[in-house]
Amino acid sequence: MSIGALTIASQGTAPAKPRRAALVPTAVLLLGAVYALLPIAWVLIAASKTNTQLDSYAAFRPGGSFLANFRNLTSYDGGVFWTWMLNTALYAGGGAILSALVSALTGYGFAKYRFRGKGFLFTMILVGMLVPAVVLAVPQYLLVAKIGLANTYWAVLIPSIISPYGIYLARIYAGASVPDEVLEAARMDGSGEWRTFLRIGVPMMVPGLVTIFLFQFVAIWNNFLLPWLMLSSENKYPLTVGLFTLLDAGTSQPALYTLVLLGSLLSILPLILLFFLLQRFWRVDLGAGSVK
């Protein structure tokens, strides 16, 4: 066999080794996906069972009471579950939008302007990322109670507006995706700072702002401690606190456990839908906006 033929043969068999090597990380990712999705699959199946079937059926054996459980959940306490759902959408949606706006303004300012105390202030924001939310919950409640906003929607919304991680991410993204040359050109054309931010900065930062919005939306949607401390009226509860009270009531009324499972399943559907709707705004290239 000639040397050329041997070379061609060796080139033809070379990709086999990288493909075999790629099987290991792929298998690890698949195991991680199964680990993450298995509880969701269990909740989906358990939501179709009666309270008796929860104890008597195998874990992944479906029942036939999904619609009956849905009707019971809808009619429970005058449909309070859907009130909790609307409250959660208000807290998470309003808080995430306001947080994204504040993060955009603050991050853009840190990235594109020089001012006294800039380094110190940004360091304090980074320190805020290290403080657990549970440490701040009680001081936040005392402050909100002091100004008379306890047990109001604002008691949950206001603490959700400021996100140290969102500000940090907005600064990093603004510094990478908004070229200084483009801003200088806009200023030379007579554009004011506010208009430059709205017309140039924000469009280039959209993928980063969507990421901040999603992170904050999920964080507020899943938040339990803050609304549990701030609110005392059942009609203002979000899903986390509402389902907790339903679960607590299940100790004396075991039939409520199936409603808790179905409510937990329904509570994750908006998050899944939101990710599918907003993923088209994500971009890999941070400088994509500057090319347009």
Protein backbone atom coordinates (compact mmCIF):
# COMPACT_ATOMS: atom_id res chain seq x y z
CA MET A 1 0.00 0.00 0.00
CA SER A 2 1.34 3.41 -0.91
CA ILE A 3 2.13 6.16 1.60
CA GLY A 4 -0.70 8.30 0.19
CA ALA A 5 -3.20 5.50 0.71
CA LEU A 6 -2.03 5.02 4.31
CA THR A 7 -2.38 8.75 4.94
CA ILE A 8 -5.91 8.81 3.55
CA ALA A 9 -6.85 5.74 5.59
CA SER A 10 -5.48 7.26 8.79
CA GLN A 11 -7.32 10.52 8.10
CA GLY A 12 -10.55 8.61 7.57
CA THR A 13 -10.34 6.82 10.94
CA ALA A 14 -9.11 9.80 13.01
CA PRO A 15 -12.52 11.28 13.94
CA ALA A 16 -13.57 8.05 15.66
CA LYS A 17 -11.52 8.78 18.80
CA PRO A 18 -12.94 12.31 19.39
CA ARG A 19 -16.44 10.92 18.88
CA ARG A 20 -15.86 8.25 21.51
CA ALA A 21 -14.40 10.85 23.86
CA ALA A 22 -17.50 13.01 23.41
CA LEU A 23 -19.71 10.19 24.69
CA VAL A 24 -18.59 10.74 28.29
CA PRO A 25 -19.68 14.40 28.66
CA THR A 26 -22.84 13.61 26.69
CA ALA A 27 -23.67 10.78 29.09
CA VAL A 28 -23.02 13.06 32.08
CA LEU A 29 -25.32 15.71 30.63
CA LEU A 30 -28.03 13.11 30.00
CA LEU A 31 -27.77 11.89 33.59
CA GLY A 32 -28.02 15.49 34.79
CA ALA A 33 -31.10 16.05 32.64
CA VAL A 34 -32.75 12.90 34.01
CA TYR A 35 -31.90 13.95 37.56
CA ALA A 36 -33.48 17.39 36.98
CA LEU A 37 -36.55 16.18 35.10
CA LEU A 38 -37.38 13.12 37.21
CA PRO A 39 -39.07 15.12 40.02
CA ILE A 40 -41.14 17.00 37.44
CA ALA A 41 -42.23 13.71 35.88
CA TRP A 42 -43.20 12.42 39.32
CA VAL A 43 -45.24 15.54 40.10
CA LEU A 44 -46.97 15.27 36.72
CA ILE A 45 -47.97 11.66 37.42
CA ALA A 46 -48.83 12.26 41.08
CA ALA A 47 -51.15 15.13 40.12
CA SER A 48 -53.35 12.59 38.32
CA LYS A 49 -53.92 10.46 41.43
CA THR A 50 -56.40 10.58 44.26
CA ASN A 51 -55.17 10.83 47.83
CA THR A 52 -55.64 7.07 48.29
CA GLN A 53 -53.75 6.28 45.08
CA LEU A 54 -50.78 8.38 46.27
CA ASP A 55 -50.14 5.75 48.97
CA SER A 56 -51.28 2.61 47.17
CA TYR A 57 -49.97 3.11 43.60
CA ALA A 58 -46.36 2.78 42.48
CA ALA A 59 -44.51 6.09 42.24
CA PHE A 60 -44.71 6.34 38.43
CA ARG A 61 -48.06 4.65 37.94
CA PRO A 62 -50.52 7.29 36.67
CA GLY A 63 -54.00 7.73 38.02
CA GLY A 64 -57.12 8.93 36.28
CA SER A 65 -58.20 11.86 38.42
CA PHE A 66 -56.33 14.77 36.84
CA LEU A 67 -59.47 16.62 35.69
CA ALA A 68 -61.23 15.97 39.00
CA ASN A 69 -58.22 17.32 40.88
CA PHE A 70 -58.15 20.35 38.60
CA ARG A 71 -61.82 21.08 39.29
CA ASN A 72 -61.26 20.68 43.03
CA LEU A 73 -58.26 23.01 42.94
CA THR A 74 -60.20 25.62 40.95
CA SER A 75 -63.16 25.52 43.32
CA TYR A 76 -61.13 25.37 46.54
CA ASP A 77 -61.91 28.35 48.78
CA GLY A 78 -63.63 30.26 45.98
CA GLY A 79 -60.77 29.83 43.48
CA VAL A 80 -58.09 31.30 45.71
CA PHE A 81 -55.40 29.36 43.81
CA TRP A 82 -55.88 31.56 40.75
CA THR A 83 -55.69 34.64 42.96
CA TRP A 84 -52.32 33.37 44.16
CA MET A 85 -51.29 32.79 40.55
CA LEU A 86 -52.21 36.36 39.55
CA ASN A 87 -50.45 37.77 42.60
CA THR A 88 -47.30 35.83 41.72
CA ALA A 89 -47.43 37.08 38.13
CA LEU A 90 -47.75 40.65 39.45
CA TYR A 91 -44.88 40.32 41.90
CA ALA A 92 -42.57 38.49 39.49
CA GLY A 93 -43.49 40.39 36.33
CA GLY A 94 -43.56 43.86 37.87
CA GLY A 95 -40.50 43.26 40.02
CA ALA A 96 -38.47 41.77 37.17
CA ILE A 97 -39.32 44.61 34.75
CA LEU A 98 -38.47 47.30 37.29
CA SER A 99 -35.33 45.43 38.32
CA ALA A 100 -34.17 45.14 34.70
CA LEU A 101 -34.73 48.89 34.18
CA VAL A 102 -32.85 49.85 37.33
CA SER A 103 -30.06 47.40 36.51
CA ALA A 104 -29.78 48.80 32.97
CA LEU A 105 -29.50 52.39 34.18
CA THR A 106 -27.05 51.58 36.96
CA GLY A 107 -24.93 49.14 34.96
CA TYR A 108 -24.74 51.51 32.00
CA GLY A 109 -23.70 54.35 34.30
CA PHE A 110 -20.95 52.28 35.91
CA ALA A 111 -19.69 51.06 32.53
CA LYS A 112 -19.73 54.30 30.54
CA TYR A 113 -19.20 57.17 32.99
CA ARG A 114 -16.46 58.24 35.35
CA PHE A 115 -17.40 59.76 38.69
CA ARG A 116 -16.02 60.04 42.18
CA GLY A 117 -16.53 56.97 44.36
CA LYS A 118 -17.31 54.72 41.40
CA GLY A 119 -15.03 51.91 42.53
CA PHE A 120 -16.24 52.04 46.13
CA LEU A 121 -19.92 52.01 45.15
CA PHE A 122 -19.46 49.09 42.79
CA THR A 123 -17.56 47.20 45.48
CA MET A 124 -20.50 47.71 47.83
CA ILE A 125 -22.79 46.27 45.16
CA LEU A 126 -20.53 43.23 44.86
CA VAL A 127 -20.64 42.84 48.64
CA GLY A 128 -24.43 42.90 48.38
CA MET A 129 -24.23 39.84 46.13
CA LEU A 130 -22.56 37.94 48.97
CA VAL A 131 -25.22 38.69 51.59
CA PRO A 132 -27.88 35.92 51.75
CA ALA A 133 -31.44 37.08 51.20
CA VAL A 134 -32.53 35.45 54.45
CA VAL A 135 -30.28 37.87 56.39
CA LEU A 136 -32.00 40.89 54.82
CA ALA A 137 -35.58 39.64 55.13
CA VAL A 138 -36.24 40.73 58.71
CA PRO A 139 -34.61 44.21 58.36
CA GLN A 140 -36.61 44.73 55.17
CA TYR A 141 -39.80 43.82 57.02
CA LEU A 142 -39.02 46.26 59.83
CA LEU A 143 -38.37 49.07 57.32
CA VAL A 144 -41.53 48.32 55.35
CA ALA A 145 -43.60 48.15 58.54
CA LYS A 146 -42.10 51.47 59.68
CA ILE A 147 -43.46 53.27 56.60
CA GLY A 148 -46.83 51.52 56.80
CA LEU A 149 -46.54 49.27 53.74
CA ALA A 150 -46.68 45.91 55.50
CA ASN A 151 -49.31 43.53 54.08
CA THR A 152 -49.47 45.44 50.79
CA TYR A 153 -48.35 44.53 47.29
CA TRP A 154 -45.58 47.14 47.56
CA ALA A 155 -44.08 45.26 50.50
CA VAL A 156 -43.07 42.48 48.11
CA LEU A 157 -42.44 44.59 45.00
CA ILE A 158 -40.11 47.26 46.43
CA PRO A 159 -37.43 44.90 47.86
CA SER A 160 -37.43 43.01 44.54
CA ILE A 161 -36.46 46.02 42.44
CA ILE A 162 -32.80 46.20 43.45
CA SER A 163 -30.74 43.23 42.30
CA PRO A 164 -26.96 43.47 42.95
CA TYR A 165 -26.32 40.61 40.57
CA GLY A 166 -28.49 42.27 37.90
CA ILE A 167 -26.50 45.52 38.24
CA TYR A 168 -23.23 43.60 38.03
CA LEU A 169 -24.39 41.71 34.94
CA ALA A 170 -25.67 44.91 33.29
CA ARG A 171 -22.33 46.64 33.83
CA ILE A 172 -20.40 43.73 32.32
CA TYR A 173 -22.78 43.51 29.38
CA ALA A 174 -22.88 47.27 28.74
CA GLY A 175 -19.10 47.42 28.76
CA ALA A 176 -18.87 44.60 26.22
CA SER A 177 -21.79 45.30 23.91
CA VAL A 178 -21.98 49.12 23.76
CA PRO A 179 -18.85 50.52 22.02
CA ASP A 180 -17.59 53.87 23.25
CA GLU A 181 -17.04 54.94 19.63
CA VAL A 182 -20.76 54.61 18.87
CA LEU A 183 -21.66 56.72 21.91
CA GLU A 184 -19.12 59.39 20.97
CA ALA A 185 -20.51 59.51 17.43
CA ALA A 186 -24.03 59.98 18.82
CA ARG A 187 -22.88 62.81 21.08
CA MET A 188 -21.12 64.51 18.18
CA ASP A 189 -24.41 64.37 16.29
CA GLY A 190 -26.08 66.27 19.12
CA SER A 191 -27.78 63.39 20.93
CA GLY A 192 -28.29 63.95 24.64
CA GLU A 193 -27.17 61.40 27.24
CA TRP A 194 -30.68 60.19 28.03
CA ARG A 195 -31.59 59.82 24.38
CA THR A 196 -28.28 58.07 23.66
CA PHE A 197 -29.01 55.60 26.41
CA LEU A 198 -32.54 54.88 25.18
CA ARG A 199 -31.85 54.83 21.44
CA ILE A 200 -28.40 53.20 21.39
CA GLY A 201 -27.52 51.70 24.76
CA VAL A 202 -30.76 49.85 25.52
CA PRO A 203 -31.15 48.18 22.07
CA MET A 204 -27.58 46.87 22.26
CA MET A 205 -28.15 45.63 25.81
CA VAL A 206 -31.42 43.82 25.09
CA PRO A 207 -30.02 40.24 25.31
CA GLY A 208 -28.38 41.04 28.64
CA LEU A 209 -31.52 42.74 29.95
CA VAL A 210 -33.61 39.73 28.96
CA THR A 211 -31.23 37.54 30.95
CA ILE A 212 -31.53 39.86 33.97
CA PHE A 213 -35.31 39.86 33.61
CA LEU A 214 -35.45 36.05 33.51
CA PHE A 215 -33.14 35.60 36.48
CA GLN A 216 -35.08 38.09 38.57
CA PHE A 217 -38.46 36.75 37.43
CA VAL A 218 -37.55 33.22 38.48
CA ALA A 219 -36.07 34.44 41.77
CA ILE A 220 -39.21 36.40 42.69
CA TRP A 221 -41.54 33.65 41.44
CA ASN A 222 -39.83 31.12 43.72
CA ASN A 223 -39.37 33.47 46.67
CA PHE A 224 -41.03 32.28 49.85
CA LEU A 225 -39.50 33.97 52.89
CA LEU A 226 -40.04 37.61 51.89
CA PRO A 227 -43.79 37.40 51.09
CA TRP A 228 -44.30 35.06 54.05
CA LEU A 229 -42.93 37.78 56.34
CA MET A 230 -44.52 40.76 54.60
CA LEU A 231 -48.05 39.51 54.00
CA SER A 232 -50.81 38.41 56.34
CA SER A 233 -53.82 38.43 54.00
CA GLU A 234 -54.48 35.22 52.08
CA ASN A 235 -55.74 37.12 49.03
CA LYS A 236 -52.30 38.76 48.65
CA TYR A 237 -50.26 35.56 48.91
CA PRO A 238 -48.09 34.38 46.01
CA LEU A 239 -48.09 30.72 44.99
CA THR A 240 -45.19 29.76 47.25
CA VAL A 241 -46.89 30.97 50.43
CA GLY A 242 -50.35 29.90 49.29
CA LEU A 243 -49.28 26.33 48.51
CA PHE A 244 -47.41 26.20 51.81
CA THR A 245 -50.59 27.09 53.72
CA LEU A 246 -52.46 24.48 51.66
CA LEU A 247 -49.82 21.88 52.51
CA ASP A 248 -50.01 22.83 56.17
CA ALA A 249 -53.78 22.41 56.09
CA GLY A 250 -53.23 18.97 54.57
CA THR A 251 -52.04 17.66 57.94
CA SER A 252 -55.67 17.71 59.05
CA GLN A 253 -57.22 17.23 55.58
CA PRO A 254 -55.07 14.71 53.66
CA ALA A 255 -57.23 15.15 50.56
CA LEU A 256 -55.53 18.51 50.04
CA TYR A 257 -52.20 16.86 49.19
CA THR A 258 -53.33 16.14 45.65
CA LEU A 259 -54.29 19.80 45.25
CA VAL A 260 -50.83 20.85 46.43
CA LEU A 261 -49.20 18.54 43.87
CA LEU A 262 -51.37 19.83 41.03
CA GLY A 263 -50.80 23.42 42.13
CA SER A 264 -47.05 22.82 42.17
CA LEU A 265 -47.23 21.43 38.63
CA LEU A 266 -49.24 24.41 37.37
CA SER A 267 -46.86 26.84 39.07
CA ILE A 268 -43.88 25.79 36.93
CA LEU A 269 -45.70 25.98 33.58
CA PRO A 270 -45.46 29.82 33.29
CA LEU A 271 -41.70 29.63 33.86
CA ILE A 272 -41.27 27.05 31.11
CA LEU A 273 -43.42 29.09 28.74
CA LEU A 274 -41.49 32.28 29.52
CA PHE A 275 -38.15 30.66 28.73
CA PHE A 276 -39.44 29.43 25.38
CA LEU A 277 -40.87 32.85 24.50
CA LEU A 278 -37.79 34.88 25.42
CA GLN A 279 -34.98 32.62 24.29
CA ARG A 280 -35.08 34.16 20.81
CA PHE A 281 -33.76 37.41 22.29
CA TRP A 282 -30.54 35.82 23.46
CA ARG A 283 -27.44 36.37 21.37
CA VAL A 284 -24.03 34.76 21.58
CA ASP A 285 -22.20 37.73 20.04
CA LEU A 286 -22.14 40.60 22.53
CA GLY A 287 -21.23 43.06 19.79
CA ALA A 288 -24.05 42.10 17.47
CA GLY A 289 -25.85 45.37 18.12
CA SER A 290 -22.87 47.49 17.10
CA VAL A 291 -22.81 45.93 13.66
CA LYS A 292 -26.35 47.00 12.83
